[in-house]
Amino acid sequence: MAKEIFMTQWFSQEMLLAGESLIKRLDETDSQVQAAFWILDADDKTWKLTIVSPLVESQGPKSYYRRIDDINESAKTDEYVIALHDINVSDTDNRIVKAIKRSVLGGATLGNNRLGRNTLGGVYIEDMYLYRMDWKLLDITPPVSARDSSFPINP
């Protein structure tokens, strides 16, 4: 079996790479990952990987966790995996996704970004590593300011 990551309050390279690997494997199994991010709980000082997919709503969270568990079980012995208790799965009605949409970042091209110690869309984010936020797949229209090509966040 693969090596399980030991979680601390500090975001590590192992966490980043294990999350990246899991998302890649979920993509390979058509798991419809529309947003994925690590988020630090400000009170507990614990990190959770959140995976947002419409399949969580249509097939249920238990089924989606089973997908992740199957991927973890198939990992090589020298690979790091993330324990299920360190992962949250969510449908597309996710409060963090909605908060980012309401913020100045809504609709911006976001991926592989570290965000933290900010209030975005009315939600305080202590620390976060964002792998992806696919606005088109999430079927969310960004605010007008973010759609403006002169807006400084858009590439």
N, C-alpha and C. Protein backbone atom coordinates (compact mmCIF):
# COMPACT_ATOMS: atom_id res chain seq x y z
N MET A 1 0.83 -1.19 0.00
CA MET A 1 0.00 0.00 0.00
C MET A 1 0.87 1.25 0.00
N ALA A 2 0.33 2.31 -0.53
CA ALA A 2 1.05 3.57 -0.62
C ALA A 2 1.24 4.19 0.77
N LYS A 3 2.07 5.24 0.82
CA LYS A 3 2.35 5.93 2.08
C LYS A 3 1.29 7.00 2.32
N GLU A 4 0.70 6.97 3.50
CA GLU A 4 -0.30 7.96 3.85
C GLU A 4 0.40 9.20 4.39
N ILE A 5 -0.06 10.36 3.96
CA ILE A 5 0.54 11.62 4.39
C ILE A 5 0.16 11.92 5.83
N PHE A 6 1.15 12.35 6.60
CA PHE A 6 0.90 12.81 7.96
C PHE A 6 0.57 14.30 7.89
N MET A 7 -0.62 14.67 8.34
CA MET A 7 -1.07 16.06 8.25
C MET A 7 -0.59 16.86 9.46
N THR A 8 -0.12 18.06 9.17
CA THR A 8 0.25 19.01 10.21
C THR A 8 -0.44 20.33 9.87
N GLN A 9 -0.18 21.35 10.65
CA GLN A 9 -0.78 22.65 10.34
C GLN A 9 -0.03 23.36 9.21
N TRP A 10 1.10 22.81 8.79
CA TRP A 10 1.89 23.43 7.73
C TRP A 10 1.63 22.72 6.41
N PHE A 11 1.40 23.50 5.38
CA PHE A 11 1.17 22.94 4.05
C PHE A 11 2.50 22.42 3.51
N SER A 12 2.53 21.17 3.06
CA SER A 12 3.79 20.56 2.64
C SER A 12 3.80 20.22 1.15
N GLN A 13 4.99 20.01 0.65
CA GLN A 13 5.18 19.60 -0.73
C GLN A 13 4.52 18.24 -0.98
N GLU A 14 4.57 17.35 -0.01
CA GLU A 14 3.92 16.04 -0.13
C GLU A 14 2.42 16.19 -0.30
N MET A 15 1.82 17.11 0.45
CA MET A 15 0.38 17.36 0.32
C MET A 15 0.06 17.87 -1.07
N LEU A 16 0.84 18.83 -1.53
CA LEU A 16 0.62 19.41 -2.86
C LEU A 16 0.69 18.32 -3.93
N LEU A 17 1.74 17.51 -3.89
CA LEU A 17 1.93 16.47 -4.91
C LEU A 17 0.89 15.35 -4.81
N ALA A 18 0.54 14.95 -3.60
CA ALA A 18 -0.46 13.89 -3.44
C ALA A 18 -1.82 14.37 -3.93
N GLY A 19 -2.16 15.61 -3.65
CA GLY A 19 -3.42 16.17 -4.14
C GLY A 19 -3.43 16.26 -5.66
N GLU A 20 -2.33 16.70 -6.21
CA GLU A 20 -2.18 16.80 -7.67
C GLU A 20 -2.36 15.42 -8.32
N SER A 21 -1.73 14.43 -7.74
CA SER A 21 -1.81 13.06 -8.27
C SER A 21 -3.24 12.53 -8.18
N LEU A 22 -3.90 12.75 -7.06
CA LEU A 22 -5.28 12.29 -6.90
C LEU A 22 -6.19 12.95 -7.92
N ILE A 23 -6.06 14.24 -8.11
CA ILE A 23 -6.91 14.96 -9.07
C ILE A 23 -6.67 14.44 -10.49
N LYS A 24 -5.41 14.20 -10.82
CA LYS A 24 -5.08 13.65 -12.15
C LYS A 24 -5.77 12.29 -12.35
N ARG A 25 -5.70 11.45 -11.34
CA ARG A 25 -6.33 10.12 -11.44
C ARG A 25 -7.85 10.22 -11.46
N LEU A 26 -8.41 11.16 -10.75
CA LEU A 26 -9.85 11.38 -10.81
C LEU A 26 -10.25 11.83 -12.22
N ASP A 27 -9.44 12.70 -12.81
CA ASP A 27 -9.70 13.13 -14.19
C ASP A 27 -9.66 11.95 -15.16
N GLU A 28 -8.72 11.05 -14.94
CA GLU A 28 -8.58 9.88 -15.82
C GLU A 28 -9.78 8.94 -15.72
N THR A 29 -10.51 9.01 -14.61
CA THR A 29 -11.69 8.15 -14.43
C THR A 29 -12.99 8.93 -14.63
N ASP A 30 -12.90 10.06 -15.33
CA ASP A 30 -14.06 10.90 -15.64
C ASP A 30 -14.89 11.21 -14.40
N SER A 31 -14.21 11.69 -13.35
CA SER A 31 -14.87 12.00 -12.09
C SER A 31 -15.38 13.43 -12.02
N GLN A 32 -15.24 14.16 -13.10
CA GLN A 32 -15.79 15.51 -13.26
C GLN A 32 -15.39 16.46 -12.13
N VAL A 33 -14.10 16.53 -11.85
CA VAL A 33 -13.60 17.46 -10.84
C VAL A 33 -13.70 18.87 -11.40
N GLN A 34 -14.52 19.70 -10.75
CA GLN A 34 -14.72 21.06 -11.24
C GLN A 34 -13.98 22.09 -10.40
N ALA A 35 -13.67 21.73 -9.17
CA ALA A 35 -12.85 22.57 -8.31
C ALA A 35 -12.14 21.64 -7.34
N ALA A 36 -10.93 22.03 -6.99
CA ALA A 36 -10.16 21.22 -6.04
C ALA A 36 -9.21 22.15 -5.29
N PHE A 37 -9.20 22.02 -3.96
CA PHE A 37 -8.34 22.89 -3.16
C PHE A 37 -8.11 22.30 -1.77
N TRP A 38 -6.95 22.63 -1.22
CA TRP A 38 -6.67 22.38 0.18
C TRP A 38 -7.12 23.62 0.94
N ILE A 39 -7.73 23.43 2.08
CA ILE A 39 -8.12 24.58 2.90
C ILE A 39 -7.79 24.29 4.37
N LEU A 40 -7.26 25.31 5.03
CA LEU A 40 -6.88 25.19 6.44
C LEU A 40 -8.03 25.69 7.30
N ASP A 41 -8.47 24.86 8.22
CA ASP A 41 -9.49 25.26 9.19
C ASP A 41 -8.80 26.15 10.22
N ALA A 42 -9.24 27.41 10.31
CA ALA A 42 -8.58 28.38 11.18
C ALA A 42 -8.64 28.00 12.65
N ASP A 43 -9.71 27.32 13.06
CA ASP A 43 -9.85 26.96 14.48
C ASP A 43 -9.06 25.70 14.83
N ASP A 44 -9.23 24.66 14.02
CA ASP A 44 -8.58 23.37 14.31
C ASP A 44 -7.14 23.29 13.83
N LYS A 45 -6.76 24.20 12.93
CA LYS A 45 -5.42 24.18 12.31
C LYS A 45 -5.17 22.84 11.61
N THR A 46 -6.20 22.36 10.92
CA THR A 46 -6.07 21.14 10.14
C THR A 46 -6.41 21.43 8.68
N TRP A 47 -5.72 20.73 7.78
CA TRP A 47 -5.94 20.88 6.35
C TRP A 47 -6.90 19.80 5.86
N LYS A 48 -7.75 20.18 4.91
CA LYS A 48 -8.64 19.23 4.23
C LYS A 48 -8.55 19.51 2.73
N LEU A 49 -8.49 18.44 1.97
CA LEU A 49 -8.56 18.56 0.52
C LEU A 49 -10.03 18.49 0.14
N THR A 50 -10.51 19.50 -0.56
CA THR A 50 -11.90 19.52 -1.01
C THR A 50 -11.95 19.28 -2.51
N ILE A 51 -12.78 18.33 -2.91
CA ILE A 51 -13.01 18.01 -4.31
C ILE A 51 -14.48 18.33 -4.60
N VAL A 52 -14.72 19.17 -5.61
CA VAL A 52 -16.07 19.58 -5.98
C VAL A 52 -16.42 18.92 -7.31
N SER A 53 -17.54 18.19 -7.32
CA SER A 53 -17.98 17.49 -8.53
C SER A 53 -19.51 17.35 -8.51
N PRO A 54 -20.14 17.47 -9.68
CA PRO A 54 -21.59 17.23 -9.74
C PRO A 54 -21.95 15.78 -9.44
N LEU A 55 -20.98 14.87 -9.56
CA LEU A 55 -21.25 13.46 -9.27
C LEU A 55 -21.55 13.23 -7.78
N VAL A 56 -21.06 14.13 -6.93
CA VAL A 56 -21.35 14.02 -5.50
C VAL A 56 -22.85 14.17 -5.27
N GLU A 57 -23.47 15.07 -6.04
CA GLU A 57 -24.92 15.25 -5.91
C GLU A 57 -25.68 14.13 -6.60
N SER A 58 -25.26 13.76 -7.81
CA SER A 58 -26.03 12.77 -8.59
C SER A 58 -25.84 11.34 -8.10
N GLN A 59 -24.64 10.99 -7.62
CA GLN A 59 -24.37 9.62 -7.20
C GLN A 59 -24.20 9.47 -5.69
N GLY A 60 -24.08 10.60 -5.00
CA GLY A 60 -23.93 10.58 -3.55
C GLY A 60 -22.47 10.63 -3.12
N PRO A 61 -22.21 11.22 -1.94
CA PRO A 61 -20.84 11.34 -1.46
C PRO A 61 -20.17 9.99 -1.19
N LYS A 62 -20.94 9.02 -0.72
CA LYS A 62 -20.37 7.70 -0.43
C LYS A 62 -19.75 7.08 -1.69
N SER A 63 -20.44 7.19 -2.79
CA SER A 63 -19.95 6.67 -4.07
C SER A 63 -18.68 7.40 -4.50
N TYR A 64 -18.64 8.70 -4.28
CA TYR A 64 -17.45 9.47 -4.68
C TYR A 64 -16.26 9.13 -3.79
N TYR A 65 -16.50 8.97 -2.49
CA TYR A 65 -15.42 8.54 -1.60
C TYR A 65 -14.90 7.16 -2.01
N ARG A 66 -15.80 6.29 -2.46
CA ARG A 66 -15.39 4.97 -2.92
C ARG A 66 -14.43 5.08 -4.12
N ARG A 67 -14.73 6.01 -5.03
CA ARG A 67 -13.83 6.27 -6.17
C ARG A 67 -12.43 6.63 -5.67
N ILE A 68 -12.40 7.54 -4.71
CA ILE A 68 -11.12 8.01 -4.16
C ILE A 68 -10.40 6.86 -3.46
N ASP A 69 -11.14 6.07 -2.70
CA ASP A 69 -10.54 4.93 -2.00
C ASP A 69 -9.95 3.93 -2.99
N ASP A 70 -10.66 3.68 -4.09
CA ASP A 70 -10.14 2.77 -5.13
C ASP A 70 -8.85 3.31 -5.73
N ILE A 71 -8.78 4.62 -5.95
CA ILE A 71 -7.57 5.23 -6.48
C ILE A 71 -6.43 5.09 -5.47
N ASN A 72 -6.72 5.35 -4.19
CA ASN A 72 -5.69 5.21 -3.14
C ASN A 72 -5.18 3.77 -3.08
N GLU A 73 -6.09 2.81 -3.17
CA GLU A 73 -5.70 1.40 -3.10
C GLU A 73 -4.81 0.99 -4.28
N SER A 74 -4.99 1.63 -5.42
CA SER A 74 -4.20 1.27 -6.60
C SER A 74 -2.86 2.01 -6.68
N ALA A 75 -2.60 2.90 -5.73
CA ALA A 75 -1.34 3.66 -5.74
C ALA A 75 -0.15 2.74 -5.48
N LYS A 76 0.97 3.11 -6.05
CA LYS A 76 2.20 2.35 -5.85
C LYS A 76 2.70 2.55 -4.42
N THR A 77 3.52 1.64 -3.96
CA THR A 77 3.99 1.68 -2.57
C THR A 77 4.85 2.91 -2.26
N ASP A 78 5.47 3.51 -3.28
CA ASP A 78 6.31 4.68 -3.02
C ASP A 78 5.55 6.00 -3.21
N GLU A 79 4.25 5.93 -3.49
CA GLU A 79 3.45 7.14 -3.68
C GLU A 79 2.78 7.55 -2.38
N TYR A 80 2.61 8.86 -2.22
CA TYR A 80 1.85 9.38 -1.09
C TYR A 80 0.38 9.44 -1.46
N VAL A 81 -0.48 9.09 -0.52
CA VAL A 81 -1.93 9.21 -0.71
C VAL A 81 -2.50 10.01 0.46
N ILE A 82 -3.70 10.52 0.24
CA ILE A 82 -4.39 11.31 1.25
C ILE A 82 -5.49 10.43 1.84
N ALA A 83 -5.48 10.30 3.15
CA ALA A 83 -6.49 9.49 3.83
C ALA A 83 -7.88 10.10 3.61
N LEU A 84 -8.88 9.25 3.53
CA LEU A 84 -10.24 9.72 3.30
C LEU A 84 -10.70 10.73 4.35
N HIS A 85 -10.23 10.57 5.61
CA HIS A 85 -10.66 11.52 6.65
C HIS A 85 -10.03 12.90 6.48
N ASP A 86 -9.09 13.04 5.53
CA ASP A 86 -8.49 14.34 5.23
C ASP A 86 -9.04 14.92 3.93
N ILE A 87 -10.13 14.34 3.43
CA ILE A 87 -10.73 14.78 2.16
C ILE A 87 -12.20 15.08 2.39
N ASN A 88 -12.65 16.18 1.84
CA ASN A 88 -14.08 16.51 1.79
C ASN A 88 -14.50 16.47 0.34
N VAL A 89 -15.62 15.82 0.05
CA VAL A 89 -16.18 15.89 -1.29
C VAL A 89 -17.44 16.75 -1.21
N SER A 90 -17.71 17.49 -2.28
CA SER A 90 -18.82 18.42 -2.27
C SER A 90 -19.47 18.48 -3.64
N ASP A 91 -20.77 18.76 -3.64
CA ASP A 91 -21.41 19.04 -4.91
C ASP A 91 -21.05 20.47 -5.30
N THR A 92 -21.59 20.95 -6.40
CA THR A 92 -21.20 22.27 -6.91
C THR A 92 -21.79 23.43 -6.10
N ASP A 93 -22.62 23.14 -5.13
CA ASP A 93 -23.18 24.16 -4.25
C ASP A 93 -22.27 24.32 -3.03
N ASN A 94 -21.00 24.59 -3.28
CA ASN A 94 -19.99 24.65 -2.24
C ASN A 94 -19.80 26.10 -1.77
N ARG A 95 -19.75 26.31 -0.47
CA ARG A 95 -19.69 27.68 0.06
C ARG A 95 -18.38 28.39 -0.29
N ILE A 96 -17.28 27.68 -0.37
CA ILE A 96 -16.00 28.32 -0.72
C ILE A 96 -16.02 28.73 -2.19
N VAL A 97 -16.51 27.86 -3.05
CA VAL A 97 -16.63 28.18 -4.48
C VAL A 97 -17.51 29.41 -4.65
N LYS A 98 -18.64 29.44 -3.96
CA LYS A 98 -19.55 30.59 -4.04
C LYS A 98 -18.88 31.86 -3.52
N ALA A 99 -18.11 31.74 -2.45
CA ALA A 99 -17.44 32.91 -1.87
C ALA A 99 -16.42 33.47 -2.85
N ILE A 100 -15.65 32.60 -3.49
CA ILE A 100 -14.67 33.07 -4.46
C ILE A 100 -15.37 33.70 -5.65
N LYS A 101 -16.49 33.13 -6.06
CA LYS A 101 -17.26 33.69 -7.17
C LYS A 101 -17.72 35.11 -6.85
N ARG A 102 -18.15 35.34 -5.60
CA ARG A 102 -18.64 36.67 -5.19
C ARG A 102 -17.50 37.67 -5.04
N SER A 103 -16.28 37.20 -4.94
CA SER A 103 -15.13 38.09 -4.71
C SER A 103 -14.62 38.65 -6.03
N VAL A 104 -13.58 39.48 -5.93
CA VAL A 104 -12.96 40.03 -7.14
C VAL A 104 -12.28 38.95 -7.96
N LEU A 105 -12.08 37.76 -7.39
CA LEU A 105 -11.46 36.66 -8.13
C LEU A 105 -12.45 35.87 -8.97
N GLY A 106 -13.74 36.11 -8.75
CA GLY A 106 -14.78 35.38 -9.46
C GLY A 106 -14.57 35.45 -10.96
N GLY A 107 -14.45 34.30 -11.60
CA GLY A 107 -14.28 34.22 -13.05
C GLY A 107 -12.86 34.33 -13.52
N ALA A 108 -11.94 34.70 -12.63
CA ALA A 108 -10.54 34.79 -13.02
C ALA A 108 -10.00 33.39 -13.29
N THR A 109 -8.98 33.30 -14.10
CA THR A 109 -8.34 32.02 -14.35
C THR A 109 -7.53 31.67 -13.11
N LEU A 110 -8.02 30.68 -12.39
CA LEU A 110 -7.38 30.30 -11.13
C LEU A 110 -6.90 28.87 -11.21
N GLY A 111 -5.69 28.66 -10.81
CA GLY A 111 -5.14 27.32 -10.76
C GLY A 111 -3.74 27.38 -10.19
N ASN A 112 -3.46 26.46 -9.28
CA ASN A 112 -2.17 26.41 -8.61
C ASN A 112 -1.83 27.75 -7.96
N ASN A 113 -2.78 28.24 -7.18
CA ASN A 113 -2.63 29.51 -6.47
C ASN A 113 -2.72 29.28 -4.97
N ARG A 114 -1.92 30.01 -4.23
CA ARG A 114 -2.01 30.00 -2.77
C ARG A 114 -2.74 31.26 -2.36
N LEU A 115 -3.81 31.09 -1.63
CA LEU A 115 -4.61 32.22 -1.16
C LEU A 115 -4.70 32.10 0.35
N GLY A 116 -4.61 33.21 1.03
CA GLY A 116 -4.75 33.11 2.47
C GLY A 116 -4.84 34.45 3.15
N ARG A 117 -5.31 34.36 4.39
CA ARG A 117 -5.52 35.53 5.23
C ARG A 117 -6.27 36.62 4.48
N ASN A 118 -7.35 36.17 3.83
CA ASN A 118 -8.20 37.07 3.06
C ASN A 118 -9.65 36.74 3.34
N THR A 119 -10.49 37.73 3.17
CA THR A 119 -11.92 37.51 3.16
C THR A 119 -12.35 37.59 1.71
N LEU A 120 -12.85 36.48 1.20
CA LEU A 120 -13.30 36.42 -0.18
C LEU A 120 -14.79 36.17 -0.20
N GLY A 121 -15.52 37.08 -0.79
CA GLY A 121 -16.97 36.92 -0.87
C GLY A 121 -17.63 36.76 0.48
N GLY A 122 -17.08 37.40 1.50
CA GLY A 122 -17.67 37.34 2.83
C GLY A 122 -17.22 36.17 3.68
N VAL A 123 -16.32 35.34 3.17
CA VAL A 123 -15.83 34.18 3.92
C VAL A 123 -14.33 34.36 4.17
N TYR A 124 -13.94 34.27 5.46
CA TYR A 124 -12.52 34.39 5.79
C TYR A 124 -11.81 33.09 5.46
N ILE A 125 -10.71 33.22 4.73
CA ILE A 125 -9.89 32.06 4.37
C ILE A 125 -8.53 32.24 5.03
N GLU A 126 -8.27 31.38 6.00
CA GLU A 126 -6.99 31.43 6.73
C GLU A 126 -5.84 31.09 5.78
N ASP A 127 -5.96 29.95 5.09
CA ASP A 127 -4.94 29.54 4.13
C ASP A 127 -5.59 28.54 3.19
N MET A 128 -5.14 28.57 1.94
CA MET A 128 -5.75 27.72 0.92
C MET A 128 -4.78 27.53 -0.22
N TYR A 129 -4.76 26.33 -0.76
CA TYR A 129 -4.03 26.07 -2.00
C TYR A 129 -5.06 25.60 -3.02
N LEU A 130 -5.21 26.35 -4.09
CA LEU A 130 -6.22 26.08 -5.10
C LEU A 130 -5.58 25.42 -6.32
N TYR A 131 -6.00 24.19 -6.61
CA TYR A 131 -5.53 23.49 -7.81
C TYR A 131 -6.28 23.98 -9.04
N ARG A 132 -7.60 24.06 -8.90
CA ARG A 132 -8.41 24.48 -10.05
C ARG A 132 -9.76 24.99 -9.61
N MET A 133 -10.30 25.87 -10.46
CA MET A 133 -11.65 26.37 -10.30
C MET A 133 -12.16 26.58 -11.72
N ASP A 134 -12.98 25.65 -12.20
CA ASP A 134 -13.44 25.68 -13.57
C ASP A 134 -14.82 26.32 -13.64
N TRP A 135 -14.86 27.61 -13.92
CA TRP A 135 -16.11 28.36 -13.92
C TRP A 135 -17.08 27.84 -14.96
N LYS A 136 -16.59 27.44 -16.12
CA LYS A 136 -17.48 26.94 -17.18
C LYS A 136 -18.16 25.65 -16.75
N LEU A 137 -17.40 24.72 -16.21
CA LEU A 137 -18.00 23.46 -15.76
C LEU A 137 -18.90 23.67 -14.55
N LEU A 138 -18.56 24.62 -13.71
CA LEU A 138 -19.38 24.90 -12.54
C LEU A 138 -20.65 25.65 -12.93
N ASP A 139 -20.72 26.06 -14.21
CA ASP A 139 -21.89 26.77 -14.73
C ASP A 139 -22.19 28.01 -13.90
N ILE A 140 -21.12 28.74 -13.62
CA ILE A 140 -21.23 29.98 -12.85
C ILE A 140 -20.78 31.13 -13.74
N THR A 141 -21.63 32.12 -13.88
CA THR A 141 -21.26 33.30 -14.64
C THR A 141 -20.50 34.23 -13.72
N PRO A 142 -19.29 34.61 -14.10
CA PRO A 142 -18.51 35.49 -13.23
C PRO A 142 -19.09 36.90 -13.19
N PRO A 143 -18.77 37.66 -12.15
CA PRO A 143 -19.22 39.05 -12.08
C PRO A 143 -18.69 39.84 -13.28
N VAL A 144 -19.35 40.93 -13.62
CA VAL A 144 -18.97 41.74 -14.77
C VAL A 144 -17.51 42.19 -14.67
N SER A 145 -17.06 42.59 -13.49
CA SER A 145 -15.68 43.07 -13.34
C SER A 145 -14.66 42.01 -13.72
N ALA A 146 -14.97 40.75 -13.45
CA ALA A 146 -14.02 39.69 -13.76
C ALA A 146 -14.06 39.30 -15.23
N ARG A 147 -15.18 39.61 -15.92
CA ARG A 147 -15.26 39.30 -17.35
C ARG A 147 -14.62 40.39 -18.19
N ASP A 148 -14.36 41.55 -17.61
CA ASP A 148 -13.76 42.66 -18.32
C ASP A 148 -12.31 42.32 -18.63
N SER A 149 -11.94 42.36 -19.90
CA SER A 149 -10.58 41.97 -20.29
C SER A 149 -9.51 42.90 -19.73
N SER A 150 -9.90 44.10 -19.29
CA SER A 150 -8.92 45.01 -18.71
C SER A 150 -8.74 44.79 -17.21
N PHE A 151 -9.57 43.87 -16.65
CA PHE A 151 -9.48 43.58 -15.22
C PHE A 151 -8.12 42.97 -14.93
N PRO A 152 -7.37 43.47 -13.93
CA PRO A 152 -5.97 43.09 -13.74
C PRO A 152 -5.71 41.63 -13.38
N ILE A 153 -6.69 40.87 -12.88
CA ILE A 153 -6.43 39.49 -12.48
C ILE A 153 -6.43 38.56 -13.68
N ASN A 154 -7.23 38.87 -14.69
CA ASN A 154 -7.29 38.00 -15.87
C ASN A 154 -5.98 38.04 -16.64
N PRO A 155 -5.52 36.88 -17.14
CA PRO A 155 -4.28 36.88 -17.92
C PRO A 155 -4.50 37.51 -19.28
